[in-house]
Each structure stands twice: as structure tokens, then as C-alpha cells.
Amino acid sequence: MKKFDGDNSTGITYKKRYAVSNGDINSALKTAAKDGIDGN
């Protein structure tokens, strides 16, 4: 659960981490996109 500043509501957040190998972030972003995560 996370409480948001300036707001009385709470929400559930989830972090998923993707490995960045040899500085190639594009590969991690492509994998995340396949999982339905928007990197923007």
C-alpha cells in the first residue's frame, strides 16, 4: 500500500525490475513491453 502526498487516498503499487545487460536498456524495454508495461 502506498499513501500519496497531498491526497487522502491510498493505492497499491508494484515494481518489476528488468535486467539491463551491457548497458542495453532497449532490450529491457522490449521485454517490459511484451509484459504489457509502458516505459513512458
Protein backbone atom coordinates (compact mmCIF):
# COMPACT_ATOMS: atom_id res chain seq x y z
CA MET A 1 0.00 0.00 0.00
CA LYS A 2 1.17 3.49 -0.71
CA LYS A 3 -0.15 6.80 0.55
CA PHE A 4 0.14 9.62 -1.94
CA ASP A 5 1.31 13.07 -0.77
CA GLY A 6 -1.39 15.74 -0.76
CA ASP A 7 -4.08 13.09 -1.17
CA ASN A 8 -6.03 11.21 1.47
CA SER A 9 -6.31 8.09 -0.66
CA THR A 10 -4.04 5.06 -0.78
CA GLY A 11 -3.20 2.74 -3.64
CA ILE A 12 -1.38 -0.47 -4.39
CA THR A 13 1.85 -0.24 -6.34
CA TYR A 14 4.02 -2.97 -7.82
CA LYS A 15 7.61 -2.79 -9.03
CA LYS A 16 9.04 -5.21 -11.52
CA ARG A 17 12.71 -4.94 -12.36
CA TYR A 18 14.27 -5.90 -15.67
CA ALA A 19 17.95 -6.63 -16.12
CA VAL A 20 20.00 -4.25 -18.26
CA SER A 21 22.90 -6.22 -19.75
CA ASN A 22 25.94 -4.41 -21.14
CA GLY A 23 24.12 -1.06 -20.96
CA ASP A 24 21.45 -2.25 -23.46
CA ILE A 25 18.32 -0.67 -21.99
CA ASN A 26 16.38 -1.19 -25.24
CA SER A 27 16.32 -4.94 -24.69
CA ALA A 28 14.90 -4.46 -21.19
CA LEU A 29 12.27 -2.04 -22.52
CA LYS A 30 11.24 -4.51 -25.24
CA THR A 31 10.87 -7.27 -22.65
CA ALA A 32 8.80 -4.98 -20.44
CA ALA A 33 6.59 -4.01 -23.39
CA LYS A 34 5.93 -7.70 -24.10
CA ASP A 35 4.79 -7.96 -20.46
CA GLY A 36 2.35 -5.08 -21.03
CA ILE A 37 4.37 -2.38 -19.29
CA ASP A 38 4.65 1.06 -20.88
CA GLY A 39 8.13 2.52 -20.31
CA ASN A 40 6.96 6.11 -20.80
